[in-house]
Amino acid sequence: AELVEPDVKLSWTAGFGSKLHTVYFGDNFDDVNNAAGGLPQGATTYTPGPLKLG
């Protein structure tokens, strides 16, 4: 990432009636698109930790 803060907090608007969200975070579209499992969370925010700059 360039010209962005490395410490971010992602947020989204929950769909109508949704209670849980499974977040997949990565830099490879196919890996994220084909991901399975994960830990569902009730919040509509996710803090992935510091992003790698470059």
PDB file of N, CA and C in Angstrom:
ATOM      1  N   ALA A   1       0.836  -1.173   0.000  1.00  0.00           N
ATOM      2  CA  ALA A   1       0.000   0.000   0.000  1.00  0.00           C
ATOM      3  C   ALA A   1       0.881   1.236   0.000  1.00  0.00           C
ATOM      4  N   GLU A   2       0.459   2.262  -0.690  1.00  0.00           N
ATOM      5  CA  GLU A   2       1.195   3.517  -0.726  1.00  0.00           C
ATOM      6  C   GLU A   2       0.259   4.660  -0.355  1.00  0.00           C
ATOM      7  N   LEU A   3       0.812   5.656   0.332  1.00  0.00           N
ATOM      8  CA  LEU A   3       0.081   6.857   0.731  1.00  0.00           C
ATOM      9  C   LEU A   3      -1.117   6.540   1.624  1.00  0.00           C
ATOM     10  N   VAL A   4      -0.998   5.499   2.417  1.00  0.00           N
ATOM     11  CA  VAL A   4      -2.025   5.148   3.394  1.00  0.00           C
ATOM     12  C   VAL A   4      -1.344   4.830   4.713  1.00  0.00           C
ATOM     13  N   GLU A   5      -2.081   4.951   5.789  1.00  0.00           N
ATOM     14  CA  GLU A   5      -1.554   4.588   7.099  1.00  0.00           C
ATOM     15  C   GLU A   5      -1.441   3.066   7.184  1.00  0.00           C
ATOM     16  N   PRO A   6      -0.348   2.533   7.749  1.00  0.00           N
ATOM     17  CA  PRO A   6      -0.204   1.077   7.854  1.00  0.00           C
ATOM     18  C   PRO A   6      -1.126   0.452   8.899  1.00  0.00           C
ATOM     19  N   ASP A   7      -1.607   1.251   9.849  1.00  0.00           N
ATOM     20  CA  ASP A   7      -2.532   0.746  10.862  1.00  0.00           C
ATOM     21  C   ASP A   7      -3.948   1.132  10.454  1.00  0.00           C
ATOM     22  N   VAL A   8      -4.729   0.148  10.052  1.00  0.00           N
ATOM     23  CA  VAL A   8      -6.076   0.427   9.552  1.00  0.00           C
ATOM     24  C   VAL A   8      -7.119  -0.365  10.325  1.00  0.00           C
ATOM     25  N   LYS A   9      -8.342   0.097  10.214  1.00  0.00           N
ATOM     26  CA  LYS A   9      -9.498  -0.611  10.750  1.00  0.00           C
ATOM     27  C   LYS A   9     -10.523  -0.649   9.626  1.00  0.00           C
ATOM     28  N   LEU A  10     -10.841  -1.835   9.151  1.00  0.00           N
ATOM     29  CA  LEU A  10     -11.810  -1.991   8.082  1.00  0.00           C
ATOM     30  C   LEU A  10     -13.211  -2.009   8.669  1.00  0.00           C
ATOM     31  N   SER A  11     -14.161  -1.444   7.951  1.00  0.00           N
ATOM     32  CA  SER A  11     -15.549  -1.477   8.416  1.00  0.00           C
ATOM     33  C   SER A  11     -16.466  -1.611   7.211  1.00  0.00           C
ATOM     34  N   TRP A  12     -17.666  -2.111   7.456  1.00  0.00           N
ATOM     35  CA  TRP A  12     -18.643  -2.311   6.411  1.00  0.00           C
ATOM     36  C   TRP A  12     -20.040  -2.197   6.995  1.00  0.00           C
ATOM     37  N   THR A  13     -21.014  -2.069   6.114  1.00  0.00           N
ATOM     38  CA  THR A  13     -22.409  -2.031   6.523  1.00  0.00           C
ATOM     39  C   THR A  13     -22.970  -3.443   6.433  1.00  0.00           C
ATOM     40  N   ALA A  14     -23.532  -3.904   7.519  1.00  0.00           N
ATOM     41  CA  ALA A  14     -24.086  -5.261   7.553  1.00  0.00           C
ATOM     42  C   ALA A  14     -25.314  -5.361   6.660  1.00  0.00           C
ATOM     43  N   GLY A  15     -25.492  -6.503   6.045  1.00  0.00           N
ATOM     44  CA  GLY A  15     -26.685  -6.761   5.250  1.00  0.00           C
ATOM     45  C   GLY A  15     -27.906  -6.897   6.151  1.00  0.00           C
ATOM     46  N   PHE A  16     -29.083  -6.668   5.607  1.00  0.00           N
ATOM     47  CA  PHE A  16     -30.320  -6.733   6.376  1.00  0.00           C
ATOM     48  C   PHE A  16     -30.460  -8.101   7.037  1.00  0.00           C
ATOM     49  N   GLY A  17     -30.631  -8.115   8.346  1.00  0.00           N
ATOM     50  CA  GLY A  17     -30.839  -9.348   9.087  1.00  0.00           C
ATOM     51  C   GLY A  17     -29.590 -10.160   9.368  1.00  0.00           C
ATOM     52  N   SER A  18     -28.439  -9.689   8.936  1.00  0.00           N
ATOM     53  CA  SER A  18     -27.211 -10.468   9.166  1.00  0.00           C
ATOM     54  C   SER A  18     -26.783 -10.373  10.620  1.00  0.00           C
ATOM     55  N   LYS A  19     -26.211 -11.454  11.118  1.00  0.00           N
ATOM     56  CA  LYS A  19     -25.762 -11.500  12.504  1.00  0.00           C
ATOM     57  C   LYS A  19     -24.277 -11.784  12.614  1.00  0.00           C
ATOM     58  N   LEU A  20     -23.731 -12.504  11.648  1.00  0.00           N
ATOM     59  CA  LEU A  20     -22.316 -12.866  11.684  1.00  0.00           C
ATOM     60  C   LEU A  20     -21.663 -12.541  10.354  1.00  0.00           C
ATOM     61  N   HIS A  21     -20.365 -12.286  10.393  1.00  0.00           N
ATOM     62  CA  HIS A  21     -19.586 -11.967   9.202  1.00  0.00           C
ATOM     63  C   HIS A  21     -18.293 -12.767   9.267  1.00  0.00           C
ATOM     64  N   THR A  22     -17.906 -13.370   8.156  1.00  0.00           N
ATOM     65  CA  THR A  22     -16.627 -14.066   8.077  1.00  0.00           C
ATOM     66  C   THR A  22     -15.732 -13.242   7.168  1.00  0.00           C
ATOM     67  N   VAL A  23     -14.611 -12.791   7.689  1.00  0.00           N
ATOM     68  CA  VAL A  23     -13.714 -11.891   6.971  1.00  0.00           C
ATOM     69  C   VAL A  23     -12.515 -12.675   6.452  1.00  0.00           C
ATOM     70  N   TYR A  24     -12.242 -12.527   5.170  1.00  0.00           N
ATOM     71  CA  TYR A  24     -11.046 -13.103   4.559  1.00  0.00           C
ATOM     72  C   TYR A  24     -10.207 -11.943   4.069  1.00  0.00           C
ATOM     73  N   PHE A  25      -8.963 -11.911   4.472  1.00  0.00           N
ATOM     74  CA  PHE A  25      -8.100 -10.777   4.164  1.00  0.00           C
ATOM     75  C   PHE A  25      -6.812 -11.308   3.563  1.00  0.00           C
ATOM     76  N   GLY A  26      -6.452 -10.846   2.386  1.00  0.00           N
ATOM     77  CA  GLY A  26      -5.216 -11.289   1.763  1.00  0.00           C
ATOM     78  C   GLY A  26      -4.894 -10.459   0.543  1.00  0.00           C
ATOM     79  N   ASP A  27      -3.760 -10.773  -0.087  1.00  0.00           N
ATOM     80  CA  ASP A  27      -3.340 -10.005  -1.256  1.00  0.00           C
ATOM     81  C   ASP A  27      -3.464 -10.803  -2.550  1.00  0.00           C
ATOM     82  N   ASN A  28      -4.059 -11.995  -2.485  1.00  0.00           N
ATOM     83  CA  ASN A  28      -4.251 -12.813  -3.670  1.00  0.00           C
ATOM     84  C   ASN A  28      -5.753 -13.048  -3.856  1.00  0.00           C
ATOM     85  N   PHE A  29      -6.314 -12.528  -4.942  1.00  0.00           N
ATOM     86  CA  PHE A  29      -7.759 -12.608  -5.163  1.00  0.00           C
ATOM     87  C   PHE A  29      -8.261 -14.043  -5.121  1.00  0.00           C
ATOM     88  N   ASP A  30      -7.586 -14.963  -5.824  1.00  0.00           N
ATOM     89  CA  ASP A  30      -8.055 -16.344  -5.878  1.00  0.00           C
ATOM     90  C   ASP A  30      -8.053 -16.999  -4.504  1.00  0.00           C
ATOM     91  N   ASP A  31      -7.016 -16.754  -3.700  1.00  0.00           N
ATOM     92  CA  ASP A  31      -6.966 -17.322  -2.350  1.00  0.00           C
ATOM     93  C   ASP A  31      -8.134 -16.826  -1.503  1.00  0.00           C
ATOM     94  N   VAL A  32      -8.401 -15.536  -1.566  1.00  0.00           N
ATOM     95  CA  VAL A  32      -9.498 -14.963  -0.777  1.00  0.00           C
ATOM     96  C   VAL A  32     -10.842 -15.432  -1.327  1.00  0.00           C
ATOM     97  N   ASN A  33     -10.994 -15.418  -2.647  1.00  0.00           N
ATOM     98  CA  ASN A  33     -12.253 -15.812  -3.273  1.00  0.00           C
ATOM     99  C   ASN A  33     -12.606 -17.274  -2.986  1.00  0.00           C
ATOM    100  N   ASN A  34     -11.609 -18.141  -2.862  1.00  0.00           N
ATOM    101  CA  ASN A  34     -11.834 -19.571  -2.635  1.00  0.00           C
ATOM    102  C   ASN A  34     -11.703 -19.968  -1.171  1.00  0.00           C
ATOM    103  N   ALA A  35     -11.576 -19.012  -0.279  1.00  0.00           N
ATOM    104  CA  ALA A  35     -11.363 -19.307   1.139  1.00  0.00           C
ATOM    105  C   ALA A  35     -12.570 -20.016   1.737  1.00  0.00           C
ATOM    106  N   ALA A  36     -12.284 -20.857   2.710  1.00  0.00           N
ATOM    107  CA  ALA A  36     -13.340 -21.569   3.441  1.00  0.00           C
ATOM    108  C   ALA A  36     -12.989 -21.532   4.920  1.00  0.00           C
ATOM    109  N   GLY A  37     -13.994 -21.659   5.750  1.00  0.00           N
ATOM    110  CA  GLY A  37     -13.743 -21.643   7.190  1.00  0.00           C
ATOM    111  C   GLY A  37     -13.655 -20.231   7.704  1.00  0.00           C
ATOM    112  N   GLY A  38     -12.798 -20.015   8.652  1.00  0.00           N
ATOM    113  CA  GLY A  38     -12.685 -18.701   9.266  1.00  0.00           C
ATOM    114  C   GLY A  38     -13.549 -18.624  10.500  1.00  0.00           C
ATOM    115  N   LEU A  39     -13.304 -17.630  11.301  1.00  0.00           N
ATOM    116  CA  LEU A  39     -14.061 -17.440  12.532  1.00  0.00           C
ATOM    117  C   LEU A  39     -15.088 -16.338  12.342  1.00  0.00           C
ATOM    118  N   PRO A  40     -16.377 -16.662  12.345  1.00  0.00           N
ATOM    119  CA  PRO A  40     -17.408 -15.634  12.208  1.00  0.00           C
ATOM    120  C   PRO A  40     -17.341 -14.643  13.368  1.00  0.00           C
ATOM    121  N   GLN A  41     -17.626 -13.405  13.075  1.00  0.00           N
ATOM    122  CA  GLN A  41     -17.650 -12.378  14.111  1.00  0.00           C
ATOM    123  C   GLN A  41     -18.913 -11.553  13.976  1.00  0.00           C
ATOM    124  N   GLY A  42     -19.358 -11.018  15.089  1.00  0.00           N
ATOM    125  CA  GLY A  42     -20.579 -10.234  15.100  1.00  0.00           C
ATOM    126  C   GLY A  42     -20.367  -8.770  14.773  1.00  0.00           C
ATOM    127  N   ALA A  43     -19.148  -8.281  14.924  1.00  0.00           N
ATOM    128  CA  ALA A  43     -18.858  -6.865  14.693  1.00  0.00           C
ATOM    129  C   ALA A  43     -18.779  -6.562  13.204  1.00  0.00           C
ATOM    130  N   THR A  44     -18.967  -5.295  12.848  1.00  0.00           N
ATOM    131  CA  THR A  44     -18.831  -4.866  11.454  1.00  0.00           C
ATOM    132  C   THR A  44     -17.533  -4.098  11.258  1.00  0.00           C
ATOM    133  N   THR A  45     -16.523  -4.476  12.037  1.00  0.00           N
ATOM    134  CA  THR A  45     -15.184  -3.912  11.878  1.00  0.00           C
ATOM    135  C   THR A  45     -14.168  -5.037  12.011  1.00  0.00           C
ATOM    136  N   TYR A  46     -12.998  -4.819  11.429  1.00  0.00           N
ATOM    137  CA  TYR A  46     -11.911  -5.789  11.513  1.00  0.00           C
ATOM    138  C   TYR A  46     -10.602  -5.019  11.482  1.00  0.00           C
ATOM    139  N   THR A  47      -9.716  -5.330  12.396  1.00  0.00           N
ATOM    140  CA  THR A  47      -8.394  -4.711  12.436  1.00  0.00           C
ATOM    141  C   THR A  47      -7.371  -5.787  12.101  1.00  0.00           C
ATOM    142  N   PRO A  48      -6.808  -5.759  10.881  1.00  0.00           N
ATOM    143  CA  PRO A  48      -5.907  -6.821  10.459  1.00  0.00           C
ATOM    144  C   PRO A  48      -4.501  -6.726  11.038  1.00  0.00           C
ATOM    145  N   GLY A  49      -4.173  -5.615  11.683  1.00  0.00           N
ATOM    146  CA  GLY A  49      -2.803  -5.396  12.128  1.00  0.00           C
ATOM    147  C   GLY A  49      -2.093  -4.525  11.104  1.00  0.00           C
ATOM    148  N   PRO A  50      -0.848  -4.173  11.358  1.00  0.00           N
ATOM    149  CA  PRO A  50      -0.134  -3.271  10.449  1.00  0.00           C
ATOM    150  C   PRO A  50      -0.018  -3.846   9.039  1.00  0.00           C
ATOM    151  N   LEU A  51      -0.297  -3.018   8.040  1.00  0.00           N
ATOM    152  CA  LEU A  51      -0.143  -3.423   6.652  1.00  0.00           C
ATOM    153  C   LEU A  51       1.311  -3.284   6.234  1.00  0.00           C
ATOM    154  N   LYS A  52       1.731  -4.132   5.334  1.00  0.00           N
ATOM    155  CA  LYS A  52       3.084  -4.063   4.784  1.00  0.00           C
ATOM    156  C   LYS A  52       3.115  -2.937   3.752  1.00  0.00           C
ATOM    157  N   LEU A  53       4.015  -2.004   3.926  1.00  0.00           N
ATOM    158  CA  LEU A  53       4.130  -0.893   2.987  1.00  0.00           C
ATOM    159  C   LEU A  53       4.968  -1.320   1.792  1.00  0.00           C
ATOM    160  N   GLY A  54       4.655  -0.758   0.636  1.00  0.00           N
ATOM    161  CA  GLY A  54       5.480  -1.063  -0.528  1.00  0.00           C
ATOM    162  C   GLY A  54       4.722  -1.132  -1.797  1.00  0.00           C
TER     163      GLY A  54
END
